[in-house]
N, C-alpha and C. Protein backbone atom coordinates (compact mmCIF):
# COMPACT_ATOMS: atom_id res chain seq x y z
N MET A 1 49.73 8.41 -6.29
CA MET A 1 48.45 7.57 -6.71
C MET A 1 49.07 6.77 -7.79
N THR A 2 48.89 5.43 -7.74
CA THR A 2 49.19 4.40 -8.67
C THR A 2 48.49 4.47 -10.03
N LYS A 3 48.89 3.91 -11.11
CA LYS A 3 48.05 3.95 -12.34
C LYS A 3 46.74 3.42 -11.86
N ARG A 4 46.61 2.03 -11.28
CA ARG A 4 45.41 1.41 -11.07
C ARG A 4 44.51 2.45 -10.27
N GLU A 5 44.89 3.05 -9.25
CA GLU A 5 44.18 4.23 -8.32
C GLU A 5 43.44 5.29 -9.17
N ALA A 6 44.43 5.67 -10.31
CA ALA A 6 44.07 6.78 -10.95
C ALA A 6 42.91 6.22 -11.94
N LEU A 7 43.23 4.84 -12.85
CA LEU A 7 42.08 4.31 -13.57
C LEU A 7 40.63 4.14 -12.65
N LEU A 8 40.94 3.79 -11.61
CA LEU A 8 39.52 3.52 -10.70
C LEU A 8 38.94 4.86 -10.31
N LYS A 9 39.80 5.82 -10.19
CA LYS A 9 39.25 7.04 -9.81
C LYS A 9 38.56 7.66 -11.14
N GLN A 10 38.90 7.52 -12.31
CA GLN A 10 38.09 7.89 -13.48
C GLN A 10 36.96 7.29 -13.81
N ILE A 11 36.94 5.93 -13.44
CA ILE A 11 36.03 4.95 -13.77
C ILE A 11 34.80 5.36 -12.54
N SER A 12 35.22 5.60 -11.57
CA SER A 12 33.96 5.91 -10.39
C SER A 12 33.53 7.27 -10.65
N THR A 13 34.28 8.04 -11.25
CA THR A 13 33.77 9.55 -11.47
C THR A 13 32.71 9.32 -12.57
N TYR A 14 32.98 8.63 -13.58
CA TYR A 14 32.02 8.53 -14.76
C TYR A 14 30.81 7.76 -14.16
N GLN A 15 30.99 6.97 -13.48
CA GLN A 15 30.03 5.82 -12.93
C GLN A 15 29.03 6.60 -12.00
N PHE A 16 29.52 7.26 -11.37
CA PHE A 16 28.75 8.34 -10.47
C PHE A 16 28.02 9.29 -11.01
N ALA A 17 28.43 10.13 -12.26
CA ALA A 17 27.74 11.16 -12.79
C ALA A 17 26.80 10.23 -13.61
N ALA A 18 26.92 8.90 -14.10
CA ALA A 18 25.74 8.22 -14.83
C ALA A 18 24.70 7.79 -13.84
N LEU A 19 25.01 7.40 -12.51
CA LEU A 19 24.25 7.00 -11.69
C LEU A 19 23.11 8.11 -11.26
N ASP A 20 23.99 9.51 -11.01
CA ASP A 20 23.10 10.67 -10.67
C ASP A 20 21.92 11.01 -11.71
N LEU A 21 22.65 10.76 -13.15
CA LEU A 21 21.80 11.07 -14.13
C LEU A 21 20.72 10.02 -14.10
N GLN A 22 20.81 8.88 -13.79
CA GLN A 22 19.67 7.66 -13.81
C GLN A 22 18.70 8.43 -12.96
N LEU A 23 19.09 8.48 -11.51
CA LEU A 23 18.10 8.75 -10.63
C LEU A 23 17.27 10.05 -11.05
N TYR A 24 18.03 11.23 -11.57
CA TYR A 24 17.17 12.09 -12.19
C TYR A 24 16.17 11.73 -13.18
N LEU A 25 16.78 10.75 -14.04
CA LEU A 25 15.64 10.40 -15.08
C LEU A 25 14.53 9.35 -14.68
N ASP A 26 14.80 9.11 -13.29
CA ASP A 26 13.51 8.41 -12.76
C ASP A 26 12.21 9.37 -12.70
N THR A 27 12.58 10.60 -12.36
CA THR A 27 11.51 11.37 -12.26
C THR A 27 11.23 12.46 -13.37
N HIS A 28 12.18 12.39 -14.50
CA HIS A 28 12.29 12.87 -15.48
C HIS A 28 12.24 12.30 -16.66
N PRO A 29 11.53 11.06 -16.91
CA PRO A 29 11.87 10.14 -17.99
C PRO A 29 11.65 10.87 -19.54
N ASN A 30 11.44 11.74 -19.62
CA ASN A 30 11.28 12.40 -21.07
C ASN A 30 12.42 13.55 -21.56
N ASP A 31 13.37 13.55 -20.37
CA ASP A 31 14.29 14.43 -20.41
C ASP A 31 15.50 14.05 -21.74
N GLU A 32 15.40 14.25 -22.98
CA GLU A 32 16.36 13.74 -23.71
C GLU A 32 17.87 14.30 -23.84
N LYS A 33 17.76 15.28 -23.36
CA LYS A 33 19.16 16.09 -23.16
C LYS A 33 20.01 15.09 -22.13
N THR A 34 19.14 15.10 -20.87
CA THR A 34 19.85 14.16 -19.76
C THR A 34 20.08 12.82 -20.12
N LEU A 35 19.29 12.03 -21.00
CA LEU A 35 19.41 10.77 -21.48
C LEU A 35 20.60 10.64 -22.47
N GLU A 36 20.88 11.67 -23.17
CA GLU A 36 22.10 11.75 -23.94
C GLU A 36 23.36 11.89 -23.07
N GLN A 37 23.24 12.79 -22.27
CA GLN A 37 24.26 12.84 -21.08
C GLN A 37 24.81 11.57 -20.57
N LEU A 38 23.84 10.81 -20.03
CA LEU A 38 24.07 9.33 -19.57
C LEU A 38 24.61 8.54 -20.28
N ARG A 39 24.16 8.59 -21.62
CA ARG A 39 25.00 7.53 -22.68
C ARG A 39 26.30 8.06 -22.85
N GLN A 40 26.67 9.17 -22.66
CA GLN A 40 28.03 9.79 -23.01
C GLN A 40 28.82 9.21 -21.92
N TYR A 41 28.39 9.42 -20.53
CA TYR A 41 29.10 9.07 -19.37
C TYR A 41 29.41 7.46 -19.66
N ARG A 42 28.49 6.62 -19.74
CA ARG A 42 28.54 5.18 -19.88
C ARG A 42 29.57 5.19 -21.12
N LYS A 43 29.40 5.80 -22.25
CA LYS A 43 30.48 5.44 -23.30
C LYS A 43 31.89 5.83 -22.87
N MET A 44 32.06 6.95 -22.15
CA MET A 44 33.48 7.41 -21.68
C MET A 44 34.03 6.06 -20.66
N ALA A 45 33.04 5.60 -20.07
CA ALA A 45 33.43 4.67 -18.91
C ALA A 45 33.90 3.36 -19.45
N ALA A 46 33.14 2.96 -20.51
CA ALA A 46 33.44 1.59 -21.14
C ALA A 46 34.86 1.43 -21.52
N PRO A 47 35.63 2.23 -22.05
CA PRO A 47 36.93 1.69 -22.42
C PRO A 47 37.85 1.68 -21.18
N LEU A 48 37.66 2.52 -20.27
CA LEU A 48 38.43 2.49 -19.00
C LEU A 48 38.08 1.09 -18.11
N ILE A 49 36.87 0.87 -18.19
CA ILE A 49 36.71 -0.32 -17.52
C ILE A 49 37.01 -1.51 -18.29
N LYS A 50 36.93 -1.76 -19.50
CA LYS A 50 37.77 -2.49 -20.24
C LYS A 50 39.38 -2.67 -20.07
N GLU A 51 39.96 -1.40 -20.05
CA GLU A 51 41.27 -1.42 -19.68
C GLU A 51 41.62 -1.98 -18.21
N TYR A 52 41.08 -1.49 -17.47
CA TYR A 52 40.98 -2.04 -15.91
C TYR A 52 40.73 -3.68 -15.92
N GLU A 53 39.79 -4.07 -16.52
CA GLU A 53 39.74 -5.63 -16.28
C GLU A 53 40.59 -6.40 -17.23
N GLU A 54 41.14 -5.84 -18.27
CA GLU A 54 42.09 -6.73 -19.02
C GLU A 54 43.67 -6.73 -18.03
N THR A 55 43.82 -5.55 -17.49
CA THR A 55 45.07 -5.18 -16.48
C THR A 55 44.96 -5.85 -15.28
N TYR A 56 43.78 -5.56 -14.54
CA TYR A 56 43.77 -6.04 -13.04
C TYR A 56 42.60 -6.82 -12.51
N GLY A 57 41.65 -7.15 -13.58
CA GLY A 57 40.98 -8.16 -13.26
C GLY A 57 39.40 -7.51 -13.11
N ALA A 58 38.40 -8.34 -12.93
CA ALA A 58 37.05 -7.92 -13.10
C ALA A 58 36.72 -7.10 -11.94
N LEU A 59 35.69 -6.09 -12.21
CA LEU A 59 35.50 -5.09 -11.27
C LEU A 59 34.06 -5.32 -10.48
N THR A 60 33.44 -6.19 -11.22
CA THR A 60 32.20 -6.71 -11.00
C THR A 60 32.01 -8.40 -11.28
N LYS A 61 31.41 -8.99 -10.59
CA LYS A 61 30.92 -10.56 -11.03
C LYS A 61 30.50 -10.42 -12.33
N ARG A 62 29.63 -9.55 -12.82
CA ARG A 62 28.86 -9.42 -14.27
C ARG A 62 29.98 -9.37 -15.33
N SER A 63 31.20 -8.78 -14.95
CA SER A 63 32.20 -8.24 -15.91
C SER A 63 32.86 -9.70 -16.53
N ASP A 64 32.56 -10.89 -16.20
CA ASP A 64 33.27 -12.02 -16.37
C ASP A 64 32.75 -12.59 -17.76
N ASN A 65 32.08 -12.02 -18.75
CA ASN A 65 31.59 -12.54 -19.88
C ASN A 65 31.00 -14.15 -19.86
N GLY A 66 30.05 -14.51 -18.93
CA GLY A 66 29.45 -15.53 -19.17
C GLY A 66 30.08 -16.72 -17.90
N ASN A 67 31.24 -16.50 -17.55
CA ASN A 67 31.98 -17.17 -16.60
C ASN A 67 31.81 -16.95 -15.09
N ASN A 68 30.61 -17.45 -14.75
CA ASN A 68 30.18 -16.96 -13.44
C ASN A 68 31.23 -16.98 -12.16
N TRP A 69 32.07 -17.84 -12.41
CA TRP A 69 32.86 -17.99 -11.21
C TRP A 69 34.71 -17.47 -11.67
N GLY A 70 34.74 -17.11 -12.85
CA GLY A 70 36.08 -16.76 -13.17
C GLY A 70 36.48 -15.51 -12.53
N TRP A 71 35.61 -14.76 -11.94
CA TRP A 71 36.20 -13.48 -11.39
C TRP A 71 36.84 -13.73 -10.08
N ILE A 72 36.44 -14.73 -9.79
CA ILE A 72 37.09 -15.12 -8.13
C ILE A 72 38.60 -15.78 -8.38
N LYS A 73 38.91 -15.82 -9.53
CA LYS A 73 40.37 -16.09 -9.89
C LYS A 73 41.56 -15.26 -9.85
N ALA A 74 40.81 -13.82 -9.98
CA ALA A 74 41.78 -12.55 -9.88
C ALA A 74 42.22 -12.31 -8.54
N PRO A 75 43.29 -11.70 -8.50
CA PRO A 75 43.75 -11.23 -7.00
C PRO A 75 42.70 -10.29 -6.36
N TRP A 76 42.56 -10.45 -5.11
CA TRP A 76 41.57 -9.51 -4.46
C TRP A 76 42.40 -8.12 -4.44
N PRO A 77 41.85 -7.10 -4.17
CA PRO A 77 42.57 -5.57 -4.09
C PRO A 77 43.57 -5.63 -3.07
N TRP A 78 43.51 -6.36 -2.11
CA TRP A 78 44.52 -6.41 -0.97
C TRP A 78 45.63 -7.25 -1.23
N GLU A 79 45.52 -8.16 -2.33
CA GLU A 79 46.64 -9.04 -2.67
C GLU A 79 47.55 -8.38 -3.78
N CYS A 80 47.24 -7.15 -4.24
CA CYS A 80 47.90 -6.81 -5.40
C CYS A 80 49.38 -6.17 -4.75
N GLU A 81 50.33 -6.55 -5.51
CA GLU A 81 51.83 -6.27 -5.00
C GLU A 81 52.15 -4.59 -5.03
N GLU A 82 51.58 -4.02 -6.21
CA GLU A 82 51.92 -2.56 -6.54
C GLU A 82 51.39 -1.86 -5.21
N ASP A 83 50.40 -2.07 -4.47
CA ASP A 83 49.88 -1.63 -3.42
C ASP A 83 50.46 -1.44 -1.99
N ARG A 84 51.51 -2.49 -2.10
CA ARG A 84 52.33 -2.65 -0.67
C ARG A 84 53.56 -1.63 -0.65
């Protein structure tokens, strides 16, 4: 597993957990403990996302700090040399 793949796996793990908690909170909006867990997963994912985007490019279109088309300049996942 490459460093890029490991980083993506960590990010997706935290994002999946956060999404799962968000869905739970849709039906339990007053559950403060779960809300705090959601915040923690988002907090843990943030530096990993930042590291990934600084090294490999944007993960999403919204990641580009206001430059709506800048994300398209980064290599597509299949264009990365380390994956070949």
